[in-house]
């Protein structure tokens, strides 16, 4: 499974309301209506990919694509 698919599936499970399918263009708060459930999503990503991304980096993420780019940055380290 590629990274994009992995992220979209985790978002669908942890963040999206039932039946909602996220896309890379979706805004995390406005379109997906993410609230505190985003914390579980972030924890699962970091656990599954064995990475740690500083909170300050997560705070500037606005879209699903931003998440993917941020994770790619840390996977390469």
C-alpha atoms as a PDB file:
ATOM      1  CA  UNK A   1       0.000   0.000   0.000  1.00  0.00           C
ATOM      2  CA  UNK A   2       1.365   3.415  -0.884  1.00  0.00           C
ATOM      3  CA  UNK A   3       1.612   6.266   1.621  1.00  0.00           C
ATOM      4  CA  UNK A   4      -1.262   8.264   0.155  1.00  0.00           C
ATOM      5  CA  UNK A   5      -3.674   5.332   0.381  1.00  0.00           C
ATOM      6  CA  UNK A   6      -2.480   4.552   3.908  1.00  0.00           C
ATOM      7  CA  UNK A   7      -3.126   8.140   5.070  1.00  0.00           C
ATOM      8  CA  UNK A   8      -6.535   8.331   3.394  1.00  0.00           C
ATOM      9  CA  UNK A   9      -7.615   5.045   4.985  1.00  0.00           C
ATOM     10  CA  UNK A  10      -6.477   6.160   8.442  1.00  0.00           C
ATOM     11  CA  UNK A  11      -8.303   9.474   8.030  1.00  0.00           C
ATOM     12  CA  UNK A  12     -11.442   7.658   7.009  1.00  0.00           C
ATOM     13  CA  UNK A  13     -11.235   5.435  10.085  1.00  0.00           C
ATOM     14  CA  UNK A  14     -10.174   7.997  12.722  1.00  0.00           C
ATOM     15  CA  UNK A  15     -11.498  11.344  11.505  1.00  0.00           C
ATOM     16  CA  UNK A  16     -14.251  11.146   8.897  1.00  0.00           C
ATOM     17  CA  UNK A  17     -17.909  10.797   9.709  1.00  0.00           C
ATOM     18  CA  UNK A  18     -19.501   7.548   8.611  1.00  0.00           C
ATOM     19  CA  UNK A  19     -19.646   7.264   4.837  1.00  0.00           C
ATOM     20  CA  UNK A  20     -17.304  10.197   4.206  1.00  0.00           C
ATOM     21  CA  UNK A  21     -14.362   9.495   1.916  1.00  0.00           C
ATOM     22  CA  UNK A  22     -11.417  11.888   2.227  1.00  0.00           C
ATOM     23  CA  UNK A  23      -9.395  13.204  -0.700  1.00  0.00           C
ATOM     24  CA  UNK A  24      -5.954  14.786  -0.839  1.00  0.00           C
ATOM     25  CA  UNK A  25      -7.483  18.213  -1.451  1.00  0.00           C
ATOM     26  CA  UNK A  26      -9.697  18.127   1.651  1.00  0.00           C
ATOM     27  CA  UNK A  27      -9.013  20.608   4.417  1.00  0.00           C
ATOM     28  CA  UNK A  28      -8.617  18.848   7.736  1.00  0.00           C
ATOM     29  CA  UNK A  29     -10.866  21.057   9.857  1.00  0.00           C
ATOM     30  CA  UNK A  30     -13.214  22.645   7.332  1.00  0.00           C
ATOM     31  CA  UNK A  31     -13.944  19.673   5.055  1.00  0.00           C
ATOM     32  CA  UNK A  32     -13.311  16.666   7.296  1.00  0.00           C
ATOM     33  CA  UNK A  33     -14.488  18.442  10.456  1.00  0.00           C
ATOM     34  CA  UNK A  34     -11.602  17.002  12.453  1.00  0.00           C
ATOM     35  CA  UNK A  35     -11.610  17.756  16.158  1.00  0.00           C
ATOM     36  CA  UNK A  36      -9.816  15.941  18.965  1.00  0.00           C
ATOM     37  CA  UNK A  37     -10.015  12.732  16.904  1.00  0.00           C
ATOM     38  CA  UNK A  38      -7.068  14.067  14.907  1.00  0.00           C
ATOM     39  CA  UNK A  39      -4.845  13.294  17.917  1.00  0.00           C
ATOM     40  CA  UNK A  40      -5.590   9.560  17.588  1.00  0.00           C
ATOM     41  CA  UNK A  41      -4.928   9.799  13.859  1.00  0.00           C
ATOM     42  CA  UNK A  42      -1.529  11.461  14.414  1.00  0.00           C
ATOM     43  CA  UNK A  43      -0.561   8.950  17.093  1.00  0.00           C
ATOM     44  CA  UNK A  44      -1.431   6.037  14.801  1.00  0.00           C
ATOM     45  CA  UNK A  45       0.599   7.485  11.915  1.00  0.00           C
ATOM     46  CA  UNK A  46       3.652   8.019  14.100  1.00  0.00           C
ATOM     47  CA  UNK A  47       3.306   4.531  15.600  1.00  0.00           C
ATOM     48  CA  UNK A  48       2.774   2.724  12.288  1.00  0.00           C
ATOM     49  CA  UNK A  49       5.565   4.560  10.463  1.00  0.00           C
ATOM     50  CA  UNK A  50       7.923   4.692  13.449  1.00  0.00           C
ATOM     51  CA  UNK A  51       8.422   8.452  13.178  1.00  0.00           C
ATOM     52  CA  UNK A  52       8.012  11.410  15.541  1.00  0.00           C
ATOM     53  CA  UNK A  53       6.883  14.727  14.128  1.00  0.00           C
ATOM     54  CA  UNK A  54       7.028  17.805  16.386  1.00  0.00           C
ATOM     55  CA  UNK A  55       3.684  19.340  17.361  1.00  0.00           C
ATOM     56  CA  UNK A  56       4.718  22.647  15.771  1.00  0.00           C
ATOM     57  CA  UNK A  57       4.925  20.892  12.388  1.00  0.00           C
ATOM     58  CA  UNK A  58       1.419  19.440  12.763  1.00  0.00           C
ATOM     59  CA  UNK A  59      -0.025  22.815  13.744  1.00  0.00           C
ATOM     60  CA  UNK A  60       0.537  24.277  10.257  1.00  0.00           C
ATOM     61  CA  UNK A  61      -1.057  21.372   8.393  1.00  0.00           C
ATOM     62  CA  UNK A  62      -4.264  22.416   6.647  1.00  0.00           C
ATOM     63  CA  UNK A  63      -4.980  19.774   4.001  1.00  0.00           C
ATOM     64  CA  UNK A  64      -4.659  16.046   3.573  1.00  0.00           C
ATOM     65  CA  UNK A  65      -1.932  16.707   1.018  1.00  0.00           C
ATOM     66  CA  UNK A  66      -0.045  18.752   3.648  1.00  0.00           C
ATOM     67  CA  UNK A  67      -0.124  15.667   5.899  1.00  0.00           C
ATOM     68  CA  UNK A  68       1.292  13.484   3.138  1.00  0.00           C
ATOM     69  CA  UNK A  69       4.097  15.944   2.357  1.00  0.00           C
ATOM     70  CA  UNK A  70       4.961  16.322   6.050  1.00  0.00           C
ATOM     71  CA  UNK A  71       5.168  12.586   6.566  1.00  0.00           C
ATOM     72  CA  UNK A  72       7.307  12.135   3.459  1.00  0.00           C
ATOM     73  CA  UNK A  73       9.706  14.720   4.893  1.00  0.00           C
ATOM     74  CA  UNK A  74      10.151  12.681   8.080  1.00  0.00           C
ATOM     75  CA  UNK A  75      10.265   9.284   6.423  1.00  0.00           C
ATOM     76  CA  UNK A  76      13.302  10.431   4.417  1.00  0.00           C
ATOM     77  CA  UNK A  77      15.230  11.379   7.583  1.00  0.00           C
END
